[in-house]
Amino acid sequence: MTLIYKILSADLWRQAEASGEFRGAPVDLADGFIHFSFAGQLAETAQKHFFGQKDLLLLSVAEADLGPALKHEVSRGGALFPHLYGPLPVTKVRRVAALPARSDGSHDFRDLLP
């Protein structure tokens, strides 16, 4: 089973839980799809888009649970990234974990990835 990951604020996740689906962060809504990362891409994604931010969560989702709405598309540096074209039902999220911020502004993924 291949897992993909979404970093988002705890506030956005609470809204998703209340509605039953996550429709995306502002950048996702602007781009027309929900941005995900593979495990090996998370540190760079966090550094580039979430550096210094606190109160973040890491969602883990199985690729197979998302069906044909999930596409692998070339993005940063020519790498393939998973993009979900449609809402993410909260029932498809396998794990929600706090993403700790270090004192230097980076994030600690230890203990969060298989």
N, C-alpha and C. Protein backbone atom coordinates (compact mmCIF):
# COMPACT_ATOMS: atom_id res chain seq x y z
N MET A 1 0.85 -1.18 0.00
CA MET A 1 0.00 0.00 0.00
C MET A 1 0.89 1.24 0.00
N THR A 2 0.66 2.11 -0.95
CA THR A 2 1.40 3.36 -1.03
C THR A 2 0.61 4.47 -0.36
N LEU A 3 1.25 5.13 0.60
CA LEU A 3 0.61 6.25 1.28
C LEU A 3 1.08 7.56 0.65
N ILE A 4 0.18 8.52 0.61
CA ILE A 4 0.50 9.90 0.23
C ILE A 4 0.11 10.79 1.39
N TYR A 5 0.66 12.01 1.38
CA TYR A 5 0.54 12.86 2.56
C TYR A 5 0.11 14.27 2.21
N LYS A 6 -0.65 14.86 3.11
CA LYS A 6 -1.10 16.24 2.99
C LYS A 6 -0.77 16.97 4.28
N ILE A 7 -0.07 18.09 4.16
CA ILE A 7 0.19 18.97 5.30
C ILE A 7 -0.86 20.07 5.27
N LEU A 8 -1.50 20.31 6.41
CA LEU A 8 -2.49 21.38 6.48
C LEU A 8 -2.62 21.86 7.91
N SER A 9 -3.27 23.01 8.04
CA SER A 9 -3.48 23.58 9.38
C SER A 9 -4.55 22.79 10.12
N ALA A 10 -4.43 22.79 11.43
CA ALA A 10 -5.44 22.13 12.26
C ALA A 10 -6.81 22.76 12.05
N ASP A 11 -6.86 24.06 11.82
CA ASP A 11 -8.14 24.74 11.58
C ASP A 11 -8.83 24.20 10.33
N LEU A 12 -8.07 24.04 9.25
CA LEU A 12 -8.66 23.50 8.02
C LEU A 12 -9.16 22.08 8.22
N TRP A 13 -8.42 21.29 8.99
CA TRP A 13 -8.87 19.92 9.23
C TRP A 13 -10.14 19.90 10.07
N ARG A 14 -10.24 20.76 11.07
CA ARG A 14 -11.47 20.82 11.87
C ARG A 14 -12.68 21.16 10.99
N GLN A 15 -12.49 22.08 10.04
CA GLN A 15 -13.57 22.42 9.11
C GLN A 15 -13.93 21.21 8.25
N ALA A 16 -12.94 20.47 7.81
CA ALA A 16 -13.18 19.27 7.00
C ALA A 16 -13.95 18.22 7.81
N GLU A 17 -13.55 18.02 9.04
CA GLU A 17 -14.26 17.05 9.88
C GLU A 17 -15.72 17.44 10.04
N ALA A 18 -15.98 18.72 10.21
CA ALA A 18 -17.35 19.19 10.39
C ALA A 18 -18.19 18.98 9.14
N SER A 19 -17.59 19.13 7.97
CA SER A 19 -18.34 19.00 6.72
C SER A 19 -18.29 17.60 6.13
N GLY A 20 -17.32 16.78 6.58
CA GLY A 20 -17.18 15.43 6.06
C GLY A 20 -16.21 15.31 4.90
N GLU A 21 -15.69 16.45 4.43
CA GLU A 21 -14.72 16.38 3.33
C GLU A 21 -13.79 17.59 3.37
N PHE A 22 -12.59 17.37 2.85
CA PHE A 22 -11.61 18.45 2.72
C PHE A 22 -11.60 18.86 1.27
N ARG A 23 -11.91 20.13 1.03
CA ARG A 23 -11.99 20.64 -0.34
C ARG A 23 -10.70 21.31 -0.78
N GLY A 24 -9.80 21.55 0.18
CA GLY A 24 -8.50 22.10 -0.16
C GLY A 24 -8.17 23.36 0.62
N ALA A 25 -6.87 23.58 0.73
CA ALA A 25 -6.34 24.82 1.28
C ALA A 25 -6.43 25.88 0.20
N PRO A 26 -6.21 27.14 0.51
CA PRO A 26 -6.30 28.18 -0.52
C PRO A 26 -5.47 27.89 -1.78
N VAL A 27 -4.26 27.37 -1.62
CA VAL A 27 -3.45 27.07 -2.80
C VAL A 27 -4.07 25.94 -3.63
N ASP A 28 -4.68 24.96 -2.97
CA ASP A 28 -5.34 23.87 -3.67
C ASP A 28 -6.53 24.39 -4.48
N LEU A 29 -7.32 25.23 -3.83
CA LEU A 29 -8.50 25.79 -4.50
C LEU A 29 -8.09 26.63 -5.71
N ALA A 30 -7.00 27.38 -5.57
CA ALA A 30 -6.52 28.22 -6.68
C ALA A 30 -6.01 27.36 -7.83
N ASP A 31 -5.37 26.21 -7.52
CA ASP A 31 -4.80 25.36 -8.56
C ASP A 31 -5.79 24.36 -9.14
N GLY A 32 -6.92 24.14 -8.46
CA GLY A 32 -7.94 23.24 -8.98
C GLY A 32 -7.76 21.79 -8.58
N PHE A 33 -6.87 21.51 -7.65
CA PHE A 33 -6.66 20.15 -7.15
C PHE A 33 -6.01 20.22 -5.78
N ILE A 34 -6.11 19.12 -5.03
CA ILE A 34 -5.48 19.04 -3.72
C ILE A 34 -4.08 18.49 -3.89
N HIS A 35 -3.10 19.25 -3.41
CA HIS A 35 -1.69 18.86 -3.48
C HIS A 35 -1.38 17.81 -2.41
N PHE A 36 -0.75 16.73 -2.80
CA PHE A 36 -0.23 15.72 -1.88
C PHE A 36 1.25 15.55 -2.17
N SER A 37 1.93 14.87 -1.27
CA SER A 37 3.35 14.53 -1.45
C SER A 37 3.55 13.06 -1.11
N PHE A 38 4.56 12.47 -1.73
CA PHE A 38 5.03 11.16 -1.31
C PHE A 38 5.95 11.37 -0.11
N ALA A 39 6.22 10.33 0.65
CA ALA A 39 7.03 10.43 1.87
C ALA A 39 8.36 11.13 1.61
N GLY A 40 9.03 10.77 0.54
CA GLY A 40 10.33 11.34 0.24
C GLY A 40 10.31 12.80 -0.17
N GLN A 41 9.14 13.33 -0.42
CA GLN A 41 8.98 14.73 -0.83
C GLN A 41 8.54 15.64 0.32
N LEU A 42 8.20 15.06 1.44
CA LEU A 42 7.60 15.84 2.53
C LEU A 42 8.51 16.91 3.12
N ALA A 43 9.76 16.58 3.36
CA ALA A 43 10.65 17.57 3.98
C ALA A 43 10.78 18.80 3.10
N GLU A 44 10.94 18.61 1.80
CA GLU A 44 11.06 19.75 0.89
C GLU A 44 9.75 20.52 0.80
N THR A 45 8.63 19.82 0.75
CA THR A 45 7.32 20.48 0.73
C THR A 45 7.14 21.33 1.98
N ALA A 46 7.46 20.77 3.13
CA ALA A 46 7.31 21.51 4.38
C ALA A 46 8.23 22.73 4.40
N GLN A 47 9.46 22.56 3.96
CA GLN A 47 10.42 23.65 3.94
C GLN A 47 9.95 24.78 3.02
N LYS A 48 9.47 24.41 1.86
CA LYS A 48 9.09 25.40 0.84
C LYS A 48 7.78 26.12 1.17
N HIS A 49 6.80 25.39 1.69
CA HIS A 49 5.45 25.96 1.84
C HIS A 49 4.99 26.18 3.29
N PHE A 50 5.66 25.56 4.27
CA PHE A 50 5.16 25.61 5.65
C PHE A 50 6.22 26.01 6.67
N PHE A 51 7.38 26.46 6.22
CA PHE A 51 8.47 26.78 7.13
C PHE A 51 8.01 27.79 8.19
N GLY A 52 8.30 27.46 9.44
CA GLY A 52 7.97 28.34 10.55
C GLY A 52 6.53 28.27 11.03
N GLN A 53 5.68 27.55 10.33
CA GLN A 53 4.28 27.46 10.73
C GLN A 53 4.09 26.41 11.80
N LYS A 54 3.21 26.71 12.73
CA LYS A 54 2.88 25.78 13.80
C LYS A 54 1.42 25.38 13.66
N ASP A 55 1.01 24.46 14.51
CA ASP A 55 -0.37 23.97 14.53
C ASP A 55 -0.73 23.31 13.20
N LEU A 56 0.23 22.52 12.69
CA LEU A 56 0.02 21.79 11.44
C LEU A 56 -0.25 20.32 11.72
N LEU A 57 -0.94 19.70 10.78
CA LEU A 57 -1.21 18.27 10.83
C LEU A 57 -0.68 17.60 9.58
N LEU A 58 -0.42 16.30 9.69
CA LEU A 58 -0.02 15.50 8.55
C LEU A 58 -1.07 14.42 8.36
N LEU A 59 -1.74 14.46 7.21
CA LEU A 59 -2.73 13.44 6.86
C LEU A 59 -2.04 12.36 6.06
N SER A 60 -2.37 11.11 6.35
CA SER A 60 -1.90 9.96 5.58
C SER A 60 -3.10 9.33 4.88
N VAL A 61 -2.95 9.12 3.56
CA VAL A 61 -4.04 8.58 2.75
C VAL A 61 -3.46 7.51 1.84
N ALA A 62 -4.15 6.39 1.69
CA ALA A 62 -3.73 5.36 0.75
C ALA A 62 -4.12 5.77 -0.66
N GLU A 63 -3.16 5.73 -1.56
CA GLU A 63 -3.44 6.10 -2.95
C GLU A 63 -4.63 5.32 -3.51
N ALA A 64 -4.66 4.04 -3.23
CA ALA A 64 -5.70 3.17 -3.79
C ALA A 64 -7.10 3.56 -3.34
N ASP A 65 -7.21 4.26 -2.23
CA ASP A 65 -8.52 4.67 -1.72
C ASP A 65 -9.13 5.85 -2.48
N LEU A 66 -8.33 6.50 -3.33
CA LEU A 66 -8.80 7.73 -3.97
C LEU A 66 -9.30 7.54 -5.40
N GLY A 67 -9.05 6.42 -6.00
CA GLY A 67 -9.59 6.12 -7.33
C GLY A 67 -9.04 7.01 -8.43
N PRO A 68 -9.80 7.13 -9.52
CA PRO A 68 -9.32 7.83 -10.70
C PRO A 68 -9.19 9.35 -10.56
N ALA A 69 -9.71 9.90 -9.49
CA ALA A 69 -9.57 11.35 -9.27
C ALA A 69 -8.14 11.73 -8.89
N LEU A 70 -7.32 10.73 -8.52
CA LEU A 70 -5.93 10.97 -8.15
C LEU A 70 -5.06 10.82 -9.39
N LYS A 71 -4.30 11.85 -9.68
CA LYS A 71 -3.39 11.87 -10.84
C LYS A 71 -1.98 12.11 -10.36
N HIS A 72 -1.02 11.53 -11.05
CA HIS A 72 0.40 11.79 -10.79
C HIS A 72 0.87 12.73 -11.89
N GLU A 73 1.30 13.92 -11.47
CA GLU A 73 1.67 14.95 -12.45
C GLU A 73 3.03 15.55 -12.12
N VAL A 74 3.72 15.94 -13.17
CA VAL A 74 5.03 16.56 -13.01
C VAL A 74 4.86 17.91 -12.34
N SER A 75 5.71 18.14 -11.35
CA SER A 75 5.68 19.41 -10.62
C SER A 75 7.11 19.80 -10.29
N ARG A 76 7.34 20.25 -9.09
CA ARG A 76 8.62 20.77 -8.64
C ARG A 76 9.80 19.89 -9.08
N GLY A 77 10.72 20.49 -9.81
CA GLY A 77 11.94 19.80 -10.22
C GLY A 77 11.72 18.65 -11.17
N GLY A 78 10.56 18.59 -11.82
CA GLY A 78 10.27 17.51 -12.75
C GLY A 78 9.79 16.23 -12.09
N ALA A 79 9.63 16.23 -10.78
CA ALA A 79 9.17 15.04 -10.05
C ALA A 79 7.66 14.88 -10.18
N LEU A 80 7.21 13.65 -10.11
CA LEU A 80 5.77 13.37 -10.09
C LEU A 80 5.24 13.59 -8.68
N PHE A 81 4.12 14.29 -8.60
CA PHE A 81 3.43 14.51 -7.33
C PHE A 81 1.99 14.04 -7.48
N PRO A 82 1.39 13.52 -6.40
CA PRO A 82 -0.02 13.13 -6.44
C PRO A 82 -0.92 14.36 -6.28
N HIS A 83 -1.89 14.48 -7.17
CA HIS A 83 -2.86 15.57 -7.14
C HIS A 83 -4.26 14.97 -7.17
N LEU A 84 -5.11 15.39 -6.27
CA LEU A 84 -6.47 14.89 -6.19
C LEU A 84 -7.42 15.92 -6.79
N TYR A 85 -8.10 15.51 -7.85
CA TYR A 85 -9.07 16.39 -8.52
C TYR A 85 -10.46 16.09 -7.96
N GLY A 86 -10.76 16.72 -6.86
CA GLY A 86 -12.03 16.55 -6.18
C GLY A 86 -11.80 16.59 -4.69
N PRO A 87 -12.87 16.57 -3.93
CA PRO A 87 -12.73 16.64 -2.47
C PRO A 87 -12.16 15.35 -1.89
N LEU A 88 -11.57 15.47 -0.73
CA LEU A 88 -11.06 14.33 0.01
C LEU A 88 -12.05 14.01 1.13
N PRO A 89 -12.76 12.88 1.03
CA PRO A 89 -13.66 12.50 2.13
C PRO A 89 -12.83 12.21 3.38
N VAL A 90 -13.26 12.72 4.52
CA VAL A 90 -12.49 12.50 5.75
C VAL A 90 -12.40 11.01 6.07
N THR A 91 -13.34 10.22 5.62
CA THR A 91 -13.32 8.78 5.87
C THR A 91 -12.18 8.08 5.13
N LYS A 92 -11.56 8.72 4.16
CA LYS A 92 -10.45 8.13 3.40
C LYS A 92 -9.10 8.38 4.06
N VAL A 93 -9.07 9.22 5.09
CA VAL A 93 -7.82 9.55 5.76
C VAL A 93 -7.50 8.44 6.76
N ARG A 94 -6.34 7.84 6.58
CA ARG A 94 -5.93 6.71 7.42
C ARG A 94 -5.38 7.17 8.77
N ARG A 95 -4.70 8.32 8.76
CA ARG A 95 -4.09 8.81 10.00
C ARG A 95 -4.00 10.33 9.95
N VAL A 96 -4.23 10.94 11.10
CA VAL A 96 -4.04 12.37 11.28
C VAL A 96 -3.08 12.51 12.46
N ALA A 97 -1.96 13.18 12.20
CA ALA A 97 -0.94 13.32 13.25
C ALA A 97 -0.46 14.76 13.32
N ALA A 98 -0.15 15.21 14.52
CA ALA A 98 0.43 16.54 14.68
C ALA A 98 1.81 16.54 14.02
N LEU A 99 2.13 17.64 13.34
CA LEU A 99 3.42 17.80 12.69
C LEU A 99 4.22 18.83 13.50
N PRO A 100 5.09 18.36 14.37
CA PRO A 100 5.80 19.28 15.26
C PRO A 100 6.76 20.20 14.51
N ALA A 101 6.81 21.43 14.97
CA ALA A 101 7.75 22.41 14.44
C ALA A 101 8.95 22.46 15.37
N ARG A 102 10.12 22.48 14.78
CA ARG A 102 11.36 22.62 15.56
C ARG A 102 11.60 24.11 15.83
N SER A 103 12.51 24.40 16.74
CA SER A 103 12.81 25.79 17.08
C SER A 103 13.40 26.57 15.91
N ASP A 104 14.00 25.87 14.94
CA ASP A 104 14.58 26.55 13.78
C ASP A 104 13.57 26.78 12.65
N GLY A 105 12.30 26.39 12.85
CA GLY A 105 11.26 26.61 11.84
C GLY A 105 11.00 25.43 10.95
N SER A 106 11.88 24.42 10.97
CA SER A 106 11.65 23.21 10.18
C SER A 106 10.67 22.30 10.91
N HIS A 107 10.29 21.20 10.28
CA HIS A 107 9.31 20.30 10.88
C HIS A 107 9.91 18.91 11.07
N ASP A 108 9.42 18.24 12.09
CA ASP A 108 9.96 16.95 12.51
C ASP A 108 9.04 15.82 12.04
N PHE A 109 9.52 15.05 11.07
CA PHE A 109 8.73 13.94 10.53
C PHE A 109 9.06 12.60 11.18
N ARG A 110 10.03 12.61 12.12
CA ARG A 110 10.34 11.36 12.82
C ARG A 110 9.07 10.83 13.47
N ASP A 111 8.92 9.56 13.45
CA ASP A 111 7.79 8.87 14.07
C ASP A 111 6.47 9.06 13.31
N LEU A 112 6.49 9.80 12.19
CA LEU A 112 5.25 10.03 11.46
C LEU A 112 5.15 9.20 10.18
N LEU A 113 6.27 8.69 9.71
CA LEU A 113 6.29 7.96 8.45
C LEU A 113 6.64 6.49 8.69
N PRO A 114 6.05 5.61 7.87
CA PRO A 114 6.36 4.19 8.04
C PRO A 114 7.81 3.87 7.72
